[in-house]
Amino acid sequence: MPYKYLDHIAIADAAFEAWADTLEEMFRTAADAAMNVMVADLDTIADQQQKTIELKDDALDMLLFQFLQELIFYKDAEQLLLRVSKIDIRKDDKTFSLTAHAYGEPAHPQKHDLVVDVKAVTLHRFQVQHTQNTWRATVVLDI
């Protein structure tokens, strides 16, 4: 599990740090960490529906912000719990673009141990860093 929860950062919210060797893997890990705040066992999310998420932003950190918000949007709008299976991030001139392939299924309280309802990603302490050969993100979720 290449993420950990940061209880000391946010008392009424959920905070985590995600890391990986590659940028794409760090985004995928952050998506798992955010979903794991809502669902206790990610392995209970079956591959019943697929979604392709395409986003662009001038700032890499805001691309991650938008990406996590998109996962929360699907949870709210379609009651769809998503896991990311593949992600591609590219940079053209000054713009970052993301294409992610996700799978999931509607939330079922009998099947999924639903922990808390995440409302949004916050900008409080939000950051993306690349240090030595590791990508890291710090994220606080409003619950």
Protein backbone atom coordinates (compact mmCIF):
# COMPACT_ATOMS: atom_id res chain seq x y z
CA MET A 1 0.00 0.00 0.00
CA PRO A 2 1.97 3.02 -1.23
CA TYR A 3 -0.07 5.53 0.76
CA LYS A 4 -0.63 6.40 4.39
CA TYR A 5 -3.23 8.40 6.24
CA LEU A 6 -2.12 11.55 8.05
CA ASP A 7 -4.30 11.83 11.15
CA HIS A 8 -2.25 14.74 12.51
CA ILE A 9 -3.06 17.03 9.55
CA ALA A 10 -6.85 17.03 9.65
CA ILE A 11 -9.12 16.10 12.53
CA ALA A 12 -12.55 16.47 10.90
CA ASP A 13 -11.31 15.59 7.40
CA ALA A 14 -9.26 12.75 5.93
CA ALA A 15 -5.68 13.38 4.85
CA PHE A 16 -3.23 11.11 3.07
CA GLU A 17 0.14 11.04 1.40
CA ALA A 18 0.51 8.93 -1.76
CA TRP A 19 3.81 8.11 -3.44
CA ALA A 20 5.24 6.10 -6.32
CA ASP A 21 8.22 5.93 -8.64
CA THR A 22 6.26 7.29 -11.60
CA LEU A 23 3.84 10.18 -11.92
CA GLU A 24 1.10 7.95 -13.35
CA GLU A 25 1.42 5.42 -10.56
CA MET A 26 1.27 8.20 -7.96
CA PHE A 27 -2.01 9.46 -9.49
CA ARG A 28 -3.40 5.90 -9.42
CA THR A 29 -2.28 5.44 -5.84
CA ALA A 30 -3.88 8.74 -4.81
CA ALA A 31 -7.12 7.58 -6.46
CA ASP A 32 -6.99 4.33 -4.44
CA ALA A 33 -6.27 6.24 -1.23
CA ALA A 34 -9.24 8.57 -1.83
CA MET A 35 -11.57 5.65 -2.63
CA ASN A 36 -10.26 3.72 0.39
CA VAL A 37 -11.44 6.58 2.62
CA MET A 38 -14.97 5.80 1.37
CA VAL A 39 -14.80 2.00 0.97
CA ALA A 40 -13.00 -0.16 3.53
CA ASP A 41 -12.05 -2.97 1.11
CA LEU A 42 -11.19 -1.82 -2.42
CA ASP A 43 -11.18 -5.42 -3.65
CA THR A 44 -14.99 -5.50 -3.26
CA ILE A 45 -15.34 -3.05 -6.17
CA ALA A 46 -16.09 -5.19 -9.24
CA ASP A 47 -15.41 -4.42 -12.89
CA GLN A 48 -19.03 -3.92 -14.03
CA GLN A 49 -18.69 -0.54 -15.77
CA GLN A 50 -15.82 1.30 -17.41
CA LYS A 51 -15.20 5.04 -17.60
CA THR A 52 -12.60 7.03 -19.48
CA ILE A 53 -11.60 10.26 -17.77
CA GLU A 54 -9.90 12.96 -19.83
CA LEU A 55 -8.66 16.17 -18.22
CA LYS A 56 -6.28 19.04 -18.98
CA ASP A 57 -4.66 21.68 -16.80
CA ASP A 58 -1.69 24.03 -16.92
CA ALA A 59 -0.55 22.92 -13.46
CA LEU A 60 0.31 19.34 -12.56
CA ASP A 61 -0.99 19.62 -8.99
CA MET A 62 -4.33 20.97 -10.24
CA LEU A 63 -4.54 18.07 -12.67
CA LEU A 64 -4.42 15.71 -9.70
CA PHE A 65 -6.97 17.87 -7.88
CA GLN A 66 -9.36 17.70 -10.87
CA PHE A 67 -8.78 13.96 -11.26
CA LEU A 68 -9.71 13.18 -7.65
CA GLN A 69 -12.70 15.53 -7.90
CA GLU A 70 -13.86 13.62 -10.97
CA LEU A 71 -13.87 10.34 -9.03
CA ILE A 72 -15.93 12.01 -6.29
CA PHE A 73 -18.28 13.42 -8.95
CA TYR A 74 -19.02 9.91 -10.30
CA LYS A 75 -19.63 8.70 -6.74
CA ASP A 76 -22.13 11.52 -6.16
CA ALA A 77 -23.81 11.76 -9.58
CA GLU A 78 -24.00 8.05 -10.47
CA GLN A 79 -23.30 6.37 -7.08
CA LEU A 80 -20.39 4.78 -8.94
CA LEU A 81 -17.33 3.56 -7.05
CA LEU A 82 -14.31 3.60 -9.36
CA ARG A 83 -10.82 2.15 -9.37
CA VAL A 84 -8.23 3.32 -11.88
CA SER A 85 -6.67 0.58 -13.97
CA LYS A 86 -4.54 2.65 -16.36
CA ILE A 87 -3.48 6.25 -16.56
CA ASP A 88 -1.49 8.28 -19.08
CA ILE A 89 -0.18 11.80 -18.42
CA ARG A 90 1.41 13.92 -21.12
CA LYS A 91 2.73 17.46 -21.37
CA ASP A 92 2.24 19.59 -24.47
CA ASP A 93 3.95 22.96 -24.34
CA LYS A 94 2.44 24.31 -21.10
CA THR A 95 -0.54 21.96 -20.67
CA PHE A 96 -0.73 18.63 -18.92
CA SER A 97 -3.29 16.15 -20.19
CA LEU A 98 -4.54 13.02 -18.48
CA THR A 99 -6.39 10.01 -19.82
CA ALA A 100 -7.44 7.46 -17.22
CA HIS A 101 -9.30 4.20 -17.62
CA ALA A 102 -11.36 3.27 -14.60
CA TYR A 103 -13.70 0.45 -13.70
CA GLY A 104 -16.26 0.05 -10.99
CA GLU A 105 -19.81 -0.54 -9.97
CA PRO A 106 -22.65 1.20 -8.18
CA ALA A 107 -22.26 1.39 -4.40
CA HIS A 108 -24.11 -1.41 -2.61
CA PRO A 109 -24.22 -1.04 1.21
CA GLN A 110 -24.68 -4.83 1.52
CA LYS A 111 -21.57 -5.51 -0.56
CA HIS A 112 -19.30 -2.54 0.15
CA ASP A 113 -18.32 -1.55 3.66
CA LEU A 114 -18.95 2.18 3.16
CA VAL A 115 -16.92 4.12 5.71
CA VAL A 116 -17.51 7.86 5.15
CA ASP A 117 -18.85 10.06 2.38
CA VAL A 118 -16.15 12.23 0.82
CA LYS A 119 -17.59 15.56 -0.30
CA ALA A 120 -14.59 17.15 -2.01
CA VAL A 121 -10.85 17.52 -2.33
CA THR A 122 -9.56 20.58 -0.49
CA LEU A 123 -6.62 22.83 -1.27
CA HIS A 124 -5.50 22.75 2.37
CA ARG A 125 -1.89 21.46 2.31
CA PHE A 126 -2.50 20.06 -1.17
CA GLN A 127 0.76 19.48 -3.01
CA VAL A 128 2.55 17.36 -5.59
CA GLN A 129 6.32 16.96 -5.33
CA HIS A 130 9.05 15.13 -7.19
CA THR A 131 12.07 14.37 -5.03
CA GLN A 132 14.89 11.98 -5.76
CA ASN A 133 13.09 9.32 -7.82
CA THR A 134 9.76 9.53 -6.06
CA TRP A 135 6.54 11.39 -6.80
CA ARG A 136 4.53 12.40 -3.70
CA ALA A 137 1.14 13.98 -3.18
CA THR A 138 -0.43 15.28 0.01
CA VAL A 139 -4.21 15.45 -0.10
CA VAL A 140 -6.91 16.50 2.38
CA LEU A 141 -10.47 15.34 1.68
CA ASP A 142 -13.56 17.05 3.07
CA ILE A 143 -15.79 14.43 4.68
